[in-house]
Amino acid sequence: ILKSRLIKVDGKVRTDETYPAGFM
């Protein structure tokens, strides 16, 4: 899913599956 560039965190595409998303 992530390598298909479908997920954005704070408006930036993230492809690292262990990217640390946090509060807010």
PDBML (XML) file of the C-alpha atoms, coordinates in Angstrom:
<?xml version="1.0" encoding="UTF-8" ?>
<PDBx:datablock datablockName="MODEL"
   xmlns:PDBx="http://pdbml.pdb.org/schema/pdbx-v50.xsd"
   xmlns:xsi="http://www.w3.org/2001/XMLSchema-instance"
   xsi:schemaLocation="http://pdbml.pdb.org/schema/pdbx-v50.xsd pdbx-v50.xsd">
   <PDBx:atom_siteCategory>
      <PDBx:atom_site id="1">
         <PDBx:B_iso_or_equiv>0.00</PDBx:B_iso_or_equiv>
         <PDBx:Cartn_x>0.000</PDBx:Cartn_x>
         <PDBx:Cartn_y>0.000</PDBx:Cartn_y>
         <PDBx:Cartn_z>0.000</PDBx:Cartn_z>
         <PDBx:auth_asym_id>A</PDBx:auth_asym_id>
         <PDBx:auth_atom_id>CA</PDBx:auth_atom_id>
         <PDBx:auth_comp_id>ILE</PDBx:auth_comp_id>
         <PDBx:auth_seq_id>1</PDBx:auth_seq_id>
         <PDBx:group_PDB>ATOM</PDBx:group_PDB>
         <PDBx:label_alt_id xsi:nil="true" />
         <PDBx:label_asym_id>A</PDBx:label_asym_id>
         <PDBx:label_atom_id>CA</PDBx:label_atom_id>
         <PDBx:label_comp_id>ILE</PDBx:label_comp_id>
         <PDBx:label_entity_id>1</PDBx:label_entity_id>
         <PDBx:label_seq_id>1</PDBx:label_seq_id>
         <PDBx:occupancy>1.00</PDBx:occupancy>
         <PDBx:pdbx_PDB_model_num>1</PDBx:pdbx_PDB_model_num>
         <PDBx:type_symbol>C</PDBx:type_symbol>
      </PDBx:atom_site>
      <PDBx:atom_site id="2">
         <PDBx:B_iso_or_equiv>0.00</PDBx:B_iso_or_equiv>
         <PDBx:Cartn_x>2.712</PDBx:Cartn_x>
         <PDBx:Cartn_y>2.454</PDBx:Cartn_y>
         <PDBx:Cartn_z>1.040</PDBx:Cartn_z>
         <PDBx:auth_asym_id>A</PDBx:auth_asym_id>
         <PDBx:auth_atom_id>CA</PDBx:auth_atom_id>
         <PDBx:auth_comp_id>LEU</PDBx:auth_comp_id>
         <PDBx:auth_seq_id>2</PDBx:auth_seq_id>
         <PDBx:group_PDB>ATOM</PDBx:group_PDB>
         <PDBx:label_alt_id xsi:nil="true" />
         <PDBx:label_asym_id>A</PDBx:label_asym_id>
         <PDBx:label_atom_id>CA</PDBx:label_atom_id>
         <PDBx:label_comp_id>LEU</PDBx:label_comp_id>
         <PDBx:label_entity_id>1</PDBx:label_entity_id>
         <PDBx:label_seq_id>2</PDBx:label_seq_id>
         <PDBx:occupancy>1.00</PDBx:occupancy>
         <PDBx:pdbx_PDB_model_num>1</PDBx:pdbx_PDB_model_num>
         <PDBx:type_symbol>C</PDBx:type_symbol>
      </PDBx:atom_site>
      <PDBx:atom_site id="3">
         <PDBx:B_iso_or_equiv>0.00</PDBx:B_iso_or_equiv>
         <PDBx:Cartn_x>4.978</PDBx:Cartn_x>
         <PDBx:Cartn_y>1.742</PDBx:Cartn_y>
         <PDBx:Cartn_z>-1.937</PDBx:Cartn_z>
         <PDBx:auth_asym_id>A</PDBx:auth_asym_id>
         <PDBx:auth_atom_id>CA</PDBx:auth_atom_id>
         <PDBx:auth_comp_id>LYS</PDBx:auth_comp_id>
         <PDBx:auth_seq_id>3</PDBx:auth_seq_id>
         <PDBx:group_PDB>ATOM</PDBx:group_PDB>
         <PDBx:label_alt_id xsi:nil="true" />
         <PDBx:label_asym_id>A</PDBx:label_asym_id>
         <PDBx:label_atom_id>CA</PDBx:label_atom_id>
         <PDBx:label_comp_id>LYS</PDBx:label_comp_id>
         <PDBx:label_entity_id>1</PDBx:label_entity_id>
         <PDBx:label_seq_id>3</PDBx:label_seq_id>
         <PDBx:occupancy>1.00</PDBx:occupancy>
         <PDBx:pdbx_PDB_model_num>1</PDBx:pdbx_PDB_model_num>
         <PDBx:type_symbol>C</PDBx:type_symbol>
      </PDBx:atom_site>
      <PDBx:atom_site id="4">
         <PDBx:B_iso_or_equiv>0.00</PDBx:B_iso_or_equiv>
         <PDBx:Cartn_x>2.037</PDBx:Cartn_x>
         <PDBx:Cartn_y>2.527</PDBx:Cartn_y>
         <PDBx:Cartn_z>-4.241</PDBx:Cartn_z>
         <PDBx:auth_asym_id>A</PDBx:auth_asym_id>
         <PDBx:auth_atom_id>CA</PDBx:auth_atom_id>
         <PDBx:auth_comp_id>SER</PDBx:auth_comp_id>
         <PDBx:auth_seq_id>4</PDBx:auth_seq_id>
         <PDBx:group_PDB>ATOM</PDBx:group_PDB>
         <PDBx:label_alt_id xsi:nil="true" />
         <PDBx:label_asym_id>A</PDBx:label_asym_id>
         <PDBx:label_atom_id>CA</PDBx:label_atom_id>
         <PDBx:label_comp_id>SER</PDBx:label_comp_id>
         <PDBx:label_entity_id>1</PDBx:label_entity_id>
         <PDBx:label_seq_id>4</PDBx:label_seq_id>
         <PDBx:occupancy>1.00</PDBx:occupancy>
         <PDBx:pdbx_PDB_model_num>1</PDBx:pdbx_PDB_model_num>
         <PDBx:type_symbol>C</PDBx:type_symbol>
      </PDBx:atom_site>
      <PDBx:atom_site id="5">
         <PDBx:B_iso_or_equiv>0.00</PDBx:B_iso_or_equiv>
         <PDBx:Cartn_x>2.364</PDBx:Cartn_x>
         <PDBx:Cartn_y>6.043</PDBx:Cartn_y>
         <PDBx:Cartn_z>-2.789</PDBx:Cartn_z>
         <PDBx:auth_asym_id>A</PDBx:auth_asym_id>
         <PDBx:auth_atom_id>CA</PDBx:auth_atom_id>
         <PDBx:auth_comp_id>ARG</PDBx:auth_comp_id>
         <PDBx:auth_seq_id>5</PDBx:auth_seq_id>
         <PDBx:group_PDB>ATOM</PDBx:group_PDB>
         <PDBx:label_alt_id xsi:nil="true" />
         <PDBx:label_asym_id>A</PDBx:label_asym_id>
         <PDBx:label_atom_id>CA</PDBx:label_atom_id>
         <PDBx:label_comp_id>ARG</PDBx:label_comp_id>
         <PDBx:label_entity_id>1</PDBx:label_entity_id>
         <PDBx:label_seq_id>5</PDBx:label_seq_id>
         <PDBx:occupancy>1.00</PDBx:occupancy>
         <PDBx:pdbx_PDB_model_num>1</PDBx:pdbx_PDB_model_num>
         <PDBx:type_symbol>C</PDBx:type_symbol>
      </PDBx:atom_site>
      <PDBx:atom_site id="6">
         <PDBx:B_iso_or_equiv>0.00</PDBx:B_iso_or_equiv>
         <PDBx:Cartn_x>-1.224</PDBx:Cartn_x>
         <PDBx:Cartn_y>6.141</PDBx:Cartn_y>
         <PDBx:Cartn_z>-1.553</PDBx:Cartn_z>
         <PDBx:auth_asym_id>A</PDBx:auth_asym_id>
         <PDBx:auth_atom_id>CA</PDBx:auth_atom_id>
         <PDBx:auth_comp_id>LEU</PDBx:auth_comp_id>
         <PDBx:auth_seq_id>6</PDBx:auth_seq_id>
         <PDBx:group_PDB>ATOM</PDBx:group_PDB>
         <PDBx:label_alt_id xsi:nil="true" />
         <PDBx:label_asym_id>A</PDBx:label_asym_id>
         <PDBx:label_atom_id>CA</PDBx:label_atom_id>
         <PDBx:label_comp_id>LEU</PDBx:label_comp_id>
         <PDBx:label_entity_id>1</PDBx:label_entity_id>
         <PDBx:label_seq_id>6</PDBx:label_seq_id>
         <PDBx:occupancy>1.00</PDBx:occupancy>
         <PDBx:pdbx_PDB_model_num>1</PDBx:pdbx_PDB_model_num>
         <PDBx:type_symbol>C</PDBx:type_symbol>
      </PDBx:atom_site>
      <PDBx:atom_site id="7">
         <PDBx:B_iso_or_equiv>0.00</PDBx:B_iso_or_equiv>
         <PDBx:Cartn_x>-0.631</PDBx:Cartn_x>
         <PDBx:Cartn_y>7.403</PDBx:Cartn_y>
         <PDBx:Cartn_z>1.976</PDBx:Cartn_z>
         <PDBx:auth_asym_id>A</PDBx:auth_asym_id>
         <PDBx:auth_atom_id>CA</PDBx:auth_atom_id>
         <PDBx:auth_comp_id>ILE</PDBx:auth_comp_id>
         <PDBx:auth_seq_id>7</PDBx:auth_seq_id>
         <PDBx:group_PDB>ATOM</PDBx:group_PDB>
         <PDBx:label_alt_id xsi:nil="true" />
         <PDBx:label_asym_id>A</PDBx:label_asym_id>
         <PDBx:label_atom_id>CA</PDBx:label_atom_id>
         <PDBx:label_comp_id>ILE</PDBx:label_comp_id>
         <PDBx:label_entity_id>1</PDBx:label_entity_id>
         <PDBx:label_seq_id>7</PDBx:label_seq_id>
         <PDBx:occupancy>1.00</PDBx:occupancy>
         <PDBx:pdbx_PDB_model_num>1</PDBx:pdbx_PDB_model_num>
         <PDBx:type_symbol>C</PDBx:type_symbol>
      </PDBx:atom_site>
      <PDBx:atom_site id="8">
         <PDBx:B_iso_or_equiv>0.00</PDBx:B_iso_or_equiv>
         <PDBx:Cartn_x>0.208</PDBx:Cartn_x>
         <PDBx:Cartn_y>10.987</PDBx:Cartn_y>
         <PDBx:Cartn_z>2.824</PDBx:Cartn_z>
         <PDBx:auth_asym_id>A</PDBx:auth_asym_id>
         <PDBx:auth_atom_id>CA</PDBx:auth_atom_id>
         <PDBx:auth_comp_id>LYS</PDBx:auth_comp_id>
         <PDBx:auth_seq_id>8</PDBx:auth_seq_id>
         <PDBx:group_PDB>ATOM</PDBx:group_PDB>
         <PDBx:label_alt_id xsi:nil="true" />
         <PDBx:label_asym_id>A</PDBx:label_asym_id>
         <PDBx:label_atom_id>CA</PDBx:label_atom_id>
         <PDBx:label_comp_id>LYS</PDBx:label_comp_id>
         <PDBx:label_entity_id>1</PDBx:label_entity_id>
         <PDBx:label_seq_id>8</PDBx:label_seq_id>
         <PDBx:occupancy>1.00</PDBx:occupancy>
         <PDBx:pdbx_PDB_model_num>1</PDBx:pdbx_PDB_model_num>
         <PDBx:type_symbol>C</PDBx:type_symbol>
      </PDBx:atom_site>
      <PDBx:atom_site id="9">
         <PDBx:B_iso_or_equiv>0.00</PDBx:B_iso_or_equiv>
         <PDBx:Cartn_x>1.261</PDBx:Cartn_x>
         <PDBx:Cartn_y>12.208</PDBx:Cartn_y>
         <PDBx:Cartn_z>6.248</PDBx:Cartn_z>
         <PDBx:auth_asym_id>A</PDBx:auth_asym_id>
         <PDBx:auth_atom_id>CA</PDBx:auth_atom_id>
         <PDBx:auth_comp_id>VAL</PDBx:auth_comp_id>
         <PDBx:auth_seq_id>9</PDBx:auth_seq_id>
         <PDBx:group_PDB>ATOM</PDBx:group_PDB>
         <PDBx:label_alt_id xsi:nil="true" />
         <PDBx:label_asym_id>A</PDBx:label_asym_id>
         <PDBx:label_atom_id>CA</PDBx:label_atom_id>
         <PDBx:label_comp_id>VAL</PDBx:label_comp_id>
         <PDBx:label_entity_id>1</PDBx:label_entity_id>
         <PDBx:label_seq_id>9</PDBx:label_seq_id>
         <PDBx:occupancy>1.00</PDBx:occupancy>
         <PDBx:pdbx_PDB_model_num>1</PDBx:pdbx_PDB_model_num>
         <PDBx:type_symbol>C</PDBx:type_symbol>
      </PDBx:atom_site>
      <PDBx:atom_site id="10">
         <PDBx:B_iso_or_equiv>0.00</PDBx:B_iso_or_equiv>
         <PDBx:Cartn_x>0.887</PDBx:Cartn_x>
         <PDBx:Cartn_y>15.971</PDBx:Cartn_y>
         <PDBx:Cartn_z>6.652</PDBx:Cartn_z>
         <PDBx:auth_asym_id>A</PDBx:auth_asym_id>
         <PDBx:auth_atom_id>CA</PDBx:auth_atom_id>
         <PDBx:auth_comp_id>ASP</PDBx:auth_comp_id>
         <PDBx:auth_seq_id>10</PDBx:auth_seq_id>
         <PDBx:group_PDB>ATOM</PDBx:group_PDB>
         <PDBx:label_alt_id xsi:nil="true" />
         <PDBx:label_asym_id>A</PDBx:label_asym_id>
         <PDBx:label_atom_id>CA</PDBx:label_atom_id>
         <PDBx:label_comp_id>ASP</PDBx:label_comp_id>
         <PDBx:label_entity_id>1</PDBx:label_entity_id>
         <PDBx:label_seq_id>10</PDBx:label_seq_id>
         <PDBx:occupancy>1.00</PDBx:occupancy>
         <PDBx:pdbx_PDB_model_num>1</PDBx:pdbx_PDB_model_num>
         <PDBx:type_symbol>C</PDBx:type_symbol>
      </PDBx:atom_site>
      <PDBx:atom_site id="11">
         <PDBx:B_iso_or_equiv>0.00</PDBx:B_iso_or_equiv>
         <PDBx:Cartn_x>0.453</PDBx:Cartn_x>
         <PDBx:Cartn_y>16.329</PDBx:Cartn_y>
         <PDBx:Cartn_z>2.907</PDBx:Cartn_z>
         <PDBx:auth_asym_id>A</PDBx:auth_asym_id>
         <PDBx:auth_atom_id>CA</PDBx:auth_atom_id>
         <PDBx:auth_comp_id>GLY</PDBx:auth_comp_id>
         <PDBx:auth_seq_id>11</PDBx:auth_seq_id>
         <PDBx:group_PDB>ATOM</PDBx:group_PDB>
         <PDBx:label_alt_id xsi:nil="true" />
         <PDBx:label_asym_id>A</PDBx:label_asym_id>
         <PDBx:label_atom_id>CA</PDBx:label_atom_id>
         <PDBx:label_comp_id>GLY</PDBx:label_comp_id>
         <PDBx:label_entity_id>1</PDBx:label_entity_id>
         <PDBx:label_seq_id>11</PDBx:label_seq_id>
         <PDBx:occupancy>1.00</PDBx:occupancy>
         <PDBx:pdbx_PDB_model_num>1</PDBx:pdbx_PDB_model_num>
         <PDBx:type_symbol>C</PDBx:type_symbol>
      </PDBx:atom_site>
      <PDBx:atom_site id="12">
         <PDBx:B_iso_or_equiv>0.00</PDBx:B_iso_or_equiv>
         <PDBx:Cartn_x>3.665</PDBx:Cartn_x>
         <PDBx:Cartn_y>14.449</PDBx:Cartn_y>
         <PDBx:Cartn_z>1.989</PDBx:Cartn_z>
         <PDBx:auth_asym_id>A</PDBx:auth_asym_id>
         <PDBx:auth_atom_id>CA</PDBx:auth_atom_id>
         <PDBx:auth_comp_id>LYS</PDBx:auth_comp_id>
         <PDBx:auth_seq_id>12</PDBx:auth_seq_id>
         <PDBx:group_PDB>ATOM</PDBx:group_PDB>
         <PDBx:label_alt_id xsi:nil="true" />
         <PDBx:label_asym_id>A</PDBx:label_asym_id>
         <PDBx:label_atom_id>CA</PDBx:label_atom_id>
         <PDBx:label_comp_id>LYS</PDBx:label_comp_id>
         <PDBx:label_entity_id>1</PDBx:label_entity_id>
         <PDBx:label_seq_id>12</PDBx:label_seq_id>
         <PDBx:occupancy>1.00</PDBx:occupancy>
         <PDBx:pdbx_PDB_model_num>1</PDBx:pdbx_PDB_model_num>
         <PDBx:type_symbol>C</PDBx:type_symbol>
      </PDBx:atom_site>
      <PDBx:atom_site id="13">
         <PDBx:B_iso_or_equiv>0.00</PDBx:B_iso_or_equiv>
         <PDBx:Cartn_x>3.738</PDBx:Cartn_x>
         <PDBx:Cartn_y>10.942</PDBx:Cartn_y>
         <PDBx:Cartn_z>0.575</PDBx:Cartn_z>
         <PDBx:auth_asym_id>A</PDBx:auth_asym_id>
         <PDBx:auth_atom_id>CA</PDBx:auth_atom_id>
         <PDBx:auth_comp_id>VAL</PDBx:auth_comp_id>
         <PDBx:auth_seq_id>13</PDBx:auth_seq_id>
         <PDBx:group_PDB>ATOM</PDBx:group_PDB>
         <PDBx:label_alt_id xsi:nil="true" />
         <PDBx:label_asym_id>A</PDBx:label_asym_id>
         <PDBx:label_atom_id>CA</PDBx:label_atom_id>
         <PDBx:label_comp_id>VAL</PDBx:label_comp_id>
         <PDBx:label_entity_id>1</PDBx:label_entity_id>
         <PDBx:label_seq_id>13</PDBx:label_seq_id>
         <PDBx:occupancy>1.00</PDBx:occupancy>
         <PDBx:pdbx_PDB_model_num>1</PDBx:pdbx_PDB_model_num>
         <PDBx:type_symbol>C</PDBx:type_symbol>
      </PDBx:atom_site>
      <PDBx:atom_site id="14">
         <PDBx:B_iso_or_equiv>0.00</PDBx:B_iso_or_equiv>
         <PDBx:Cartn_x>5.448</PDBx:Cartn_x>
         <PDBx:Cartn_y>8.546</PDBx:Cartn_y>
         <PDBx:Cartn_z>2.999</PDBx:Cartn_z>
         <PDBx:auth_asym_id>A</PDBx:auth_asym_id>
         <PDBx:auth_atom_id>CA</PDBx:auth_atom_id>
         <PDBx:auth_comp_id>ARG</PDBx:auth_comp_id>
         <PDBx:auth_seq_id>14</PDBx:auth_seq_id>
         <PDBx:group_PDB>ATOM</PDBx:group_PDB>
         <PDBx:label_alt_id xsi:nil="true" />
         <PDBx:label_asym_id>A</PDBx:label_asym_id>
         <PDBx:label_atom_id>CA</PDBx:label_atom_id>
         <PDBx:label_comp_id>ARG</PDBx:label_comp_id>
         <PDBx:label_entity_id>1</PDBx:label_entity_id>
         <PDBx:label_seq_id>14</PDBx:label_seq_id>
         <PDBx:occupancy>1.00</PDBx:occupancy>
         <PDBx:pdbx_PDB_model_num>1</PDBx:pdbx_PDB_model_num>
         <PDBx:type_symbol>C</PDBx:type_symbol>
      </PDBx:atom_site>
      <PDBx:atom_site id="15">
         <PDBx:B_iso_or_equiv>0.00</PDBx:B_iso_or_equiv>
         <PDBx:Cartn_x>6.592</PDBx:Cartn_x>
         <PDBx:Cartn_y>5.125</PDBx:Cartn_y>
         <PDBx:Cartn_z>1.866</PDBx:Cartn_z>
         <PDBx:auth_asym_id>A</PDBx:auth_asym_id>
         <PDBx:auth_atom_id>CA</PDBx:auth_atom_id>
         <PDBx:auth_comp_id>THR</PDBx:auth_comp_id>
         <PDBx:auth_seq_id>15</PDBx:auth_seq_id>
         <PDBx:group_PDB>ATOM</PDBx:group_PDB>
         <PDBx:label_alt_id xsi:nil="true" />
         <PDBx:label_asym_id>A</PDBx:label_asym_id>
         <PDBx:label_atom_id>CA</PDBx:label_atom_id>
         <PDBx:label_comp_id>THR</PDBx:label_comp_id>
         <PDBx:label_entity_id>1</PDBx:label_entity_id>
         <PDBx:label_seq_id>15</PDBx:label_seq_id>
         <PDBx:occupancy>1.00</PDBx:occupancy>
         <PDBx:pdbx_PDB_model_num>1</PDBx:pdbx_PDB_model_num>
         <PDBx:type_symbol>C</PDBx:type_symbol>
      </PDBx:atom_site>
      <PDBx:atom_site id="16">
         <PDBx:B_iso_or_equiv>0.00</PDBx:B_iso_or_equiv>
         <PDBx:Cartn_x>8.323</PDBx:Cartn_x>
         <PDBx:Cartn_y>3.963</PDBx:Cartn_y>
         <PDBx:Cartn_z>5.054</PDBx:Cartn_z>
         <PDBx:auth_asym_id>A</PDBx:auth_asym_id>
         <PDBx:auth_atom_id>CA</PDBx:auth_atom_id>
         <PDBx:auth_comp_id>ASP</PDBx:auth_comp_id>
         <PDBx:auth_seq_id>16</PDBx:auth_seq_id>
         <PDBx:group_PDB>ATOM</PDBx:group_PDB>
         <PDBx:label_alt_id xsi:nil="true" />
         <PDBx:label_asym_id>A</PDBx:label_asym_id>
         <PDBx:label_atom_id>CA</PDBx:label_atom_id>
         <PDBx:label_comp_id>ASP</PDBx:label_comp_id>
         <PDBx:label_entity_id>1</PDBx:label_entity_id>
         <PDBx:label_seq_id>16</PDBx:label_seq_id>
         <PDBx:occupancy>1.00</PDBx:occupancy>
         <PDBx:pdbx_PDB_model_num>1</PDBx:pdbx_PDB_model_num>
         <PDBx:type_symbol>C</PDBx:type_symbol>
      </PDBx:atom_site>
      <PDBx:atom_site id="17">
         <PDBx:B_iso_or_equiv>0.00</PDBx:B_iso_or_equiv>
         <PDBx:Cartn_x>6.076</PDBx:Cartn_x>
         <PDBx:Cartn_y>1.448</PDBx:Cartn_y>
         <PDBx:Cartn_z>6.815</PDBx:Cartn_z>
         <PDBx:auth_asym_id>A</PDBx:auth_asym_id>
         <PDBx:auth_atom_id>CA</PDBx:auth_atom_id>
         <PDBx:auth_comp_id>GLU</PDBx:auth_comp_id>
         <PDBx:auth_seq_id>17</PDBx:auth_seq_id>
         <PDBx:group_PDB>ATOM</PDBx:group_PDB>
         <PDBx:label_alt_id xsi:nil="true" />
         <PDBx:label_asym_id>A</PDBx:label_asym_id>
         <PDBx:label_atom_id>CA</PDBx:label_atom_id>
         <PDBx:label_comp_id>GLU</PDBx:label_comp_id>
         <PDBx:label_entity_id>1</PDBx:label_entity_id>
         <PDBx:label_seq_id>17</PDBx:label_seq_id>
         <PDBx:occupancy>1.00</PDBx:occupancy>
         <PDBx:pdbx_PDB_model_num>1</PDBx:pdbx_PDB_model_num>
         <PDBx:type_symbol>C</PDBx:type_symbol>
      </PDBx:atom_site>
      <PDBx:atom_site id="18">
         <PDBx:B_iso_or_equiv>0.00</PDBx:B_iso_or_equiv>
         <PDBx:Cartn_x>7.552</PDBx:Cartn_x>
         <PDBx:Cartn_y>2.290</PDBx:Cartn_y>
         <PDBx:Cartn_z>10.208</PDBx:Cartn_z>
         <PDBx:auth_asym_id>A</PDBx:auth_asym_id>
         <PDBx:auth_atom_id>CA</PDBx:auth_atom_id>
         <PDBx:auth_comp_id>THR</PDBx:auth_comp_id>
         <PDBx:auth_seq_id>18</PDBx:auth_seq_id>
         <PDBx:group_PDB>ATOM</PDBx:group_PDB>
         <PDBx:label_alt_id xsi:nil="true" />
         <PDBx:label_asym_id>A</PDBx:label_asym_id>
         <PDBx:label_atom_id>CA</PDBx:label_atom_id>
         <PDBx:label_comp_id>THR</PDBx:label_comp_id>
         <PDBx:label_entity_id>1</PDBx:label_entity_id>
         <PDBx:label_seq_id>18</PDBx:label_seq_id>
         <PDBx:occupancy>1.00</PDBx:occupancy>
         <PDBx:pdbx_PDB_model_num>1</PDBx:pdbx_PDB_model_num>
         <PDBx:type_symbol>C</PDBx:type_symbol>
      </PDBx:atom_site>
      <PDBx:atom_site id="19">
         <PDBx:B_iso_or_equiv>0.00</PDBx:B_iso_or_equiv>
         <PDBx:Cartn_x>7.366</PDBx:Cartn_x>
         <PDBx:Cartn_y>6.063</PDBx:Cartn_y>
         <PDBx:Cartn_z>9.723</PDBx:Cartn_z>
         <PDBx:auth_asym_id>A</PDBx:auth_asym_id>
         <PDBx:auth_atom_id>CA</PDBx:auth_atom_id>
         <PDBx:auth_comp_id>TYR</PDBx:auth_comp_id>
         <PDBx:auth_seq_id>19</PDBx:auth_seq_id>
         <PDBx:group_PDB>ATOM</PDBx:group_PDB>
         <PDBx:label_alt_id xsi:nil="true" />
         <PDBx:label_asym_id>A</PDBx:label_asym_id>
         <PDBx:label_atom_id>CA</PDBx:label_atom_id>
         <PDBx:label_comp_id>TYR</PDBx:label_comp_id>
         <PDBx:label_entity_id>1</PDBx:label_entity_id>
         <PDBx:label_seq_id>19</PDBx:label_seq_id>
         <PDBx:occupancy>1.00</PDBx:occupancy>
         <PDBx:pdbx_PDB_model_num>1</PDBx:pdbx_PDB_model_num>
         <PDBx:type_symbol>C</PDBx:type_symbol>
      </PDBx:atom_site>
      <PDBx:atom_site id="20">
         <PDBx:B_iso_or_equiv>0.00</PDBx:B_iso_or_equiv>
         <PDBx:Cartn_x>6.546</PDBx:Cartn_x>
         <PDBx:Cartn_y>7.519</PDBx:Cartn_y>
         <PDBx:Cartn_z>13.164</PDBx:Cartn_z>
         <PDBx:auth_asym_id>A</PDBx:auth_asym_id>
         <PDBx:auth_atom_id>CA</PDBx:auth_atom_id>
         <PDBx:auth_comp_id>PRO</PDBx:auth_comp_id>
         <PDBx:auth_seq_id>20</PDBx:auth_seq_id>
         <PDBx:group_PDB>ATOM</PDBx:group_PDB>
         <PDBx:label_alt_id xsi:nil="true" />
         <PDBx:label_asym_id>A</PDBx:label_asym_id>
         <PDBx:label_atom_id>CA</PDBx:label_atom_id>
         <PDBx:label_comp_id>PRO</PDBx:label_comp_id>
         <PDBx:label_entity_id>1</PDBx:label_entity_id>
         <PDBx:label_seq_id>20</PDBx:label_seq_id>
         <PDBx:occupancy>1.00</PDBx:occupancy>
         <PDBx:pdbx_PDB_model_num>1</PDBx:pdbx_PDB_model_num>
         <PDBx:type_symbol>C</PDBx:type_symbol>
      </PDBx:atom_site>
      <PDBx:atom_site id="21">
         <PDBx:B_iso_or_equiv>0.00</PDBx:B_iso_or_equiv>
         <PDBx:Cartn_x>3.260</PDBx:Cartn_x>
         <PDBx:Cartn_y>9.380</PDBx:Cartn_y>
         <PDBx:Cartn_z>12.873</PDBx:Cartn_z>
         <PDBx:auth_asym_id>A</PDBx:auth_asym_id>
         <PDBx:auth_atom_id>CA</PDBx:auth_atom_id>
         <PDBx:auth_comp_id>ALA</PDBx:auth_comp_id>
         <PDBx:auth_seq_id>21</PDBx:auth_seq_id>
         <PDBx:group_PDB>ATOM</PDBx:group_PDB>
         <PDBx:label_alt_id xsi:nil="true" />
         <PDBx:label_asym_id>A</PDBx:label_asym_id>
         <PDBx:label_atom_id>CA</PDBx:label_atom_id>
         <PDBx:label_comp_id>ALA</PDBx:label_comp_id>
         <PDBx:label_entity_id>1</PDBx:label_entity_id>
         <PDBx:label_seq_id>21</PDBx:label_seq_id>
         <PDBx:occupancy>1.00</PDBx:occupancy>
         <PDBx:pdbx_PDB_model_num>1</PDBx:pdbx_PDB_model_num>
         <PDBx:type_symbol>C</PDBx:type_symbol>
      </PDBx:atom_site>
      <PDBx:atom_site id="22">
         <PDBx:B_iso_or_equiv>0.00</PDBx:B_iso_or_equiv>
         <PDBx:Cartn_x>2.460</PDBx:Cartn_x>
         <PDBx:Cartn_y>11.203</PDBx:Cartn_y>
         <PDBx:Cartn_z>16.118</PDBx:Cartn_z>
         <PDBx:auth_asym_id>A</PDBx:auth_asym_id>
         <PDBx:auth_atom_id>CA</PDBx:auth_atom_id>
         <PDBx:auth_comp_id>GLY</PDBx:auth_comp_id>
         <PDBx:auth_seq_id>22</PDBx:auth_seq_id>
         <PDBx:group_PDB>ATOM</PDBx:group_PDB>
         <PDBx:label_alt_id xsi:nil="true" />
         <PDBx:label_asym_id>A</PDBx:label_asym_id>
         <PDBx:label_atom_id>CA</PDBx:label_atom_id>
         <PDBx:label_comp_id>GLY</PDBx:label_comp_id>
         <PDBx:label_entity_id>1</PDBx:label_entity_id>
         <PDBx:label_seq_id>22</PDBx:label_seq_id>
         <PDBx:occupancy>1.00</PDBx:occupancy>
         <PDBx:pdbx_PDB_model_num>1</PDBx:pdbx_PDB_model_num>
         <PDBx:type_symbol>C</PDBx:type_symbol>
      </PDBx:atom_site>
      <PDBx:atom_site id="23">
         <PDBx:B_iso_or_equiv>0.00</PDBx:B_iso_or_equiv>
         <PDBx:Cartn_x>0.102</PDBx:Cartn_x>
         <PDBx:Cartn_y>13.523</PDBx:Cartn_y>
         <PDBx:Cartn_z>17.931</PDBx:Cartn_z>
         <PDBx:auth_asym_id>A</PDBx:auth_asym_id>
         <PDBx:auth_atom_id>CA</PDBx:auth_atom_id>
         <PDBx:auth_comp_id>PHE</PDBx:auth_comp_id>
         <PDBx:auth_seq_id>23</PDBx:auth_seq_id>
         <PDBx:group_PDB>ATOM</PDBx:group_PDB>
         <PDBx:label_alt_id xsi:nil="true" />
         <PDBx:label_asym_id>A</PDBx:label_asym_id>
         <PDBx:label_atom_id>CA</PDBx:label_atom_id>
         <PDBx:label_comp_id>PHE</PDBx:label_comp_id>
         <PDBx:label_entity_id>1</PDBx:label_entity_id>
         <PDBx:label_seq_id>23</PDBx:label_seq_id>
         <PDBx:occupancy>1.00</PDBx:occupancy>
         <PDBx:pdbx_PDB_model_num>1</PDBx:pdbx_PDB_model_num>
         <PDBx:type_symbol>C</PDBx:type_symbol>
      </PDBx:atom_site>
      <PDBx:atom_site id="24">
         <PDBx:B_iso_or_equiv>0.00</PDBx:B_iso_or_equiv>
         <PDBx:Cartn_x>-1.725</PDBx:Cartn_x>
         <PDBx:Cartn_y>15.957</PDBx:Cartn_y>
         <PDBx:Cartn_z>15.578</PDBx:Cartn_z>
         <PDBx:auth_asym_id>A</PDBx:auth_asym_id>
         <PDBx:auth_atom_id>CA</PDBx:auth_atom_id>
         <PDBx:auth_comp_id>MET</PDBx:auth_comp_id>
         <PDBx:auth_seq_id>24</PDBx:auth_seq_id>
         <PDBx:group_PDB>ATOM</PDBx:group_PDB>
         <PDBx:label_alt_id xsi:nil="true" />
         <PDBx:label_asym_id>A</PDBx:label_asym_id>
         <PDBx:label_atom_id>CA</PDBx:label_atom_id>
         <PDBx:label_comp_id>MET</PDBx:label_comp_id>
         <PDBx:label_entity_id>1</PDBx:label_entity_id>
         <PDBx:label_seq_id>24</PDBx:label_seq_id>
         <PDBx:occupancy>1.00</PDBx:occupancy>
         <PDBx:pdbx_PDB_model_num>1</PDBx:pdbx_PDB_model_num>
         <PDBx:type_symbol>C</PDBx:type_symbol>
      </PDBx:atom_site>
   </PDBx:atom_siteCategory>
</PDBx:datablock>
